[in-house]
Amino acid sequence: MADKKSMYPEIQNNVQVRHPKFGLGKVLLRIGDDDNSKAIVRFQEEGEKKLALKFARLVRDTIEDDGEA
């Protein structure tokens, strides 16, 4: 059996992401590595959301963490 690569490898725990509707958020928990993967994300304005990655259109945010909350 061949090794399967993780789907959506850029979406991992503690990564800052951006969603087209919910805005900026942080991945609290990534669940799964396949096409059915989900993530629990805490958004600044919308609170926590559980999202299916294949539909969520999350992108990793490129702003560097400066240590401030």
N, C-alpha and C. Protein backbone atom coordinates (compact mmCIF):
# COMPACT_ATOMS: atom_id res chain seq x y z
N MET A 1 0.84 -1.18 0.00
CA MET A 1 0.00 0.00 0.00
C MET A 1 0.89 1.25 0.00
N ALA A 2 0.61 2.16 -0.90
CA ALA A 2 1.40 3.39 -1.00
C ALA A 2 1.02 4.36 0.11
N ASP A 3 2.00 5.16 0.52
CA ASP A 3 1.72 6.18 1.52
C ASP A 3 0.81 7.25 0.94
N LYS A 4 -0.21 7.61 1.69
CA LYS A 4 -1.10 8.68 1.25
C LYS A 4 -0.57 10.01 1.78
N LYS A 5 -0.59 11.01 0.92
CA LYS A 5 -0.19 12.35 1.35
C LYS A 5 -1.36 13.01 2.03
N SER A 6 -1.06 13.84 2.98
CA SER A 6 -2.08 14.58 3.70
C SER A 6 -2.77 15.56 2.76
N MET A 7 -4.10 15.60 2.82
CA MET A 7 -4.85 16.60 2.07
C MET A 7 -4.77 17.91 2.85
N TYR A 8 -4.67 19.03 2.15
CA TYR A 8 -4.62 20.35 2.77
C TYR A 8 -3.48 20.45 3.80
N PRO A 9 -2.24 20.17 3.38
CA PRO A 9 -1.12 20.11 4.34
C PRO A 9 -0.82 21.45 5.02
N GLU A 10 -1.23 22.57 4.42
CA GLU A 10 -0.94 23.87 5.01
C GLU A 10 -1.86 24.19 6.20
N ILE A 11 -2.95 23.44 6.35
CA ILE A 11 -3.90 23.67 7.45
C ILE A 11 -3.57 22.72 8.58
N GLN A 12 -2.90 23.23 9.59
CA GLN A 12 -2.46 22.43 10.74
C GLN A 12 -2.81 23.16 12.03
N ASN A 13 -2.71 22.46 13.16
CA ASN A 13 -2.97 23.06 14.46
C ASN A 13 -2.09 24.29 14.67
N ASN A 14 -2.67 25.32 15.27
CA ASN A 14 -1.98 26.56 15.64
C ASN A 14 -1.55 27.42 14.46
N VAL A 15 -2.09 27.18 13.27
CA VAL A 15 -1.77 27.97 12.09
C VAL A 15 -2.83 29.06 11.93
N GLN A 16 -2.40 30.24 11.58
CA GLN A 16 -3.32 31.34 11.32
C GLN A 16 -3.83 31.21 9.89
N VAL A 17 -5.18 31.30 9.74
CA VAL A 17 -5.80 31.12 8.44
C VAL A 17 -6.78 32.26 8.16
N ARG A 18 -7.17 32.35 6.89
CA ARG A 18 -8.15 33.35 6.48
C ARG A 18 -9.27 32.63 5.72
N HIS A 19 -10.51 33.01 6.02
CA HIS A 19 -11.70 32.46 5.37
C HIS A 19 -12.40 33.60 4.65
N PRO A 20 -12.96 33.37 3.45
CA PRO A 20 -13.56 34.46 2.70
C PRO A 20 -14.72 35.16 3.39
N LYS A 21 -15.46 34.46 4.24
CA LYS A 21 -16.60 35.06 4.94
C LYS A 21 -16.28 35.40 6.40
N PHE A 22 -15.61 34.50 7.10
CA PHE A 22 -15.38 34.65 8.54
C PHE A 22 -14.12 35.45 8.89
N GLY A 23 -13.24 35.65 7.92
CA GLY A 23 -12.04 36.45 8.15
C GLY A 23 -10.89 35.67 8.75
N LEU A 24 -10.12 36.36 9.60
CA LEU A 24 -8.91 35.82 10.19
C LEU A 24 -9.23 34.91 11.36
N GLY A 25 -8.53 33.77 11.43
CA GLY A 25 -8.74 32.84 12.53
C GLY A 25 -7.51 32.00 12.78
N LYS A 26 -7.60 31.17 13.83
CA LYS A 26 -6.50 30.27 14.19
C LYS A 26 -7.05 28.86 14.31
N VAL A 27 -6.36 27.90 13.70
CA VAL A 27 -6.77 26.50 13.76
C VAL A 27 -6.51 25.98 15.17
N LEU A 28 -7.57 25.57 15.84
CA LEU A 28 -7.43 24.99 17.17
C LEU A 28 -7.17 23.49 17.08
N LEU A 29 -7.86 22.82 16.12
CA LEU A 29 -7.72 21.37 16.00
C LEU A 29 -7.99 20.95 14.57
N ARG A 30 -7.09 20.20 14.01
CA ARG A 30 -7.27 19.58 12.69
C ARG A 30 -7.67 18.14 12.92
N ILE A 31 -8.73 17.69 12.23
CA ILE A 31 -9.24 16.33 12.39
C ILE A 31 -9.16 15.62 11.05
N GLY A 32 -8.30 14.61 10.95
CA GLY A 32 -8.19 13.82 9.73
C GLY A 32 -7.15 14.34 8.76
N ASP A 33 -6.77 13.47 7.80
CA ASP A 33 -5.78 13.81 6.78
C ASP A 33 -6.28 13.47 5.38
N ASP A 34 -7.57 13.19 5.24
CA ASP A 34 -8.10 12.78 3.95
C ASP A 34 -9.08 13.81 3.42
N ASP A 35 -9.86 13.42 2.42
CA ASP A 35 -10.81 14.34 1.80
C ASP A 35 -11.95 14.74 2.75
N ASN A 36 -12.12 14.01 3.84
CA ASN A 36 -13.15 14.31 4.82
C ASN A 36 -12.61 15.08 6.02
N SER A 37 -11.42 15.63 5.91
CA SER A 37 -10.78 16.37 7.01
C SER A 37 -11.61 17.57 7.43
N LYS A 38 -11.54 17.86 8.71
CA LYS A 38 -12.24 19.01 9.29
C LYS A 38 -11.26 19.79 10.16
N ALA A 39 -11.63 21.00 10.47
CA ALA A 39 -10.82 21.81 11.37
C ALA A 39 -11.75 22.64 12.24
N ILE A 40 -11.37 22.78 13.50
CA ILE A 40 -12.05 23.71 14.39
C ILE A 40 -11.20 24.96 14.41
N VAL A 41 -11.80 26.07 14.01
CA VAL A 41 -11.08 27.33 13.86
C VAL A 41 -11.75 28.39 14.73
N ARG A 42 -10.94 29.15 15.46
CA ARG A 42 -11.47 30.29 16.24
C ARG A 42 -11.21 31.55 15.44
N PHE A 43 -12.31 32.16 14.98
CA PHE A 43 -12.23 33.39 14.20
C PHE A 43 -12.35 34.59 15.13
N GLN A 44 -11.69 35.68 14.78
CA GLN A 44 -11.68 36.88 15.62
C GLN A 44 -13.08 37.45 15.81
N GLU A 45 -13.88 37.47 14.77
CA GLU A 45 -15.20 38.09 14.84
C GLU A 45 -16.33 37.08 15.02
N GLU A 46 -16.16 35.87 14.52
CA GLU A 46 -17.25 34.90 14.46
C GLU A 46 -17.19 33.81 15.52
N GLY A 47 -16.11 33.73 16.29
CA GLY A 47 -15.97 32.68 17.28
C GLY A 47 -15.53 31.36 16.65
N GLU A 48 -15.80 30.25 17.34
CA GLU A 48 -15.35 28.94 16.88
C GLU A 48 -16.31 28.35 15.86
N LYS A 49 -15.71 27.75 14.82
CA LYS A 49 -16.47 27.08 13.76
C LYS A 49 -15.78 25.76 13.45
N LYS A 50 -16.59 24.71 13.21
CA LYS A 50 -16.07 23.43 12.73
C LYS A 50 -16.34 23.38 11.23
N LEU A 51 -15.27 23.28 10.44
CA LEU A 51 -15.38 23.40 8.99
C LEU A 51 -14.83 22.16 8.29
N ALA A 52 -15.52 21.73 7.24
CA ALA A 52 -15.01 20.68 6.35
C ALA A 52 -14.01 21.35 5.42
N LEU A 53 -12.76 20.89 5.42
CA LEU A 53 -11.71 21.57 4.66
C LEU A 53 -11.96 21.57 3.16
N LYS A 54 -12.64 20.54 2.64
CA LYS A 54 -12.85 20.52 1.19
C LYS A 54 -13.83 21.59 0.73
N PHE A 55 -14.60 22.17 1.66
CA PHE A 55 -15.54 23.22 1.31
C PHE A 55 -15.16 24.59 1.88
N ALA A 56 -14.28 24.62 2.86
CA ALA A 56 -14.04 25.83 3.66
C ALA A 56 -13.28 26.94 2.93
N ARG A 57 -12.48 26.62 1.95
CA ARG A 57 -11.67 27.61 1.23
C ARG A 57 -10.76 28.40 2.17
N LEU A 58 -10.20 27.70 3.16
CA LEU A 58 -9.25 28.33 4.07
C LEU A 58 -7.91 28.47 3.37
N VAL A 59 -7.23 29.58 3.64
CA VAL A 59 -5.86 29.75 3.17
C VAL A 59 -5.00 30.14 4.36
N ARG A 60 -3.80 29.64 4.36
CA ARG A 60 -2.87 29.98 5.44
C ARG A 60 -2.54 31.46 5.33
N ASP A 61 -2.64 32.17 6.44
CA ASP A 61 -2.35 33.60 6.46
C ASP A 61 -0.85 33.79 6.53
N THR A 62 -0.33 34.71 5.76
CA THR A 62 1.12 34.88 5.68
C THR A 62 1.68 35.91 6.64
N ILE A 63 0.82 36.53 7.46
CA ILE A 63 1.29 37.49 8.45
C ILE A 63 2.09 36.75 9.51
N GLU A 64 3.29 37.22 9.77
CA GLU A 64 4.13 36.57 10.78
C GLU A 64 3.61 36.90 12.16
N ASP A 65 3.68 35.90 13.05
CA ASP A 65 3.28 36.08 14.44
C ASP A 65 4.33 36.92 15.16
N ASP A 66 3.92 38.07 15.68
CA ASP A 66 4.89 38.93 16.36
C ASP A 66 4.88 38.75 17.87
N GLY A 67 4.12 37.72 18.32
CA GLY A 67 4.09 37.43 19.74
C GLY A 67 3.02 38.19 20.51
N GLU A 68 2.33 39.10 19.86
CA GLU A 68 1.27 39.85 20.54
C GLU A 68 -0.07 39.21 20.28
N ALA A 69 -0.97 39.29 21.25
CA ALA A 69 -2.30 38.69 21.09
C ALA A 69 -3.32 39.75 20.73
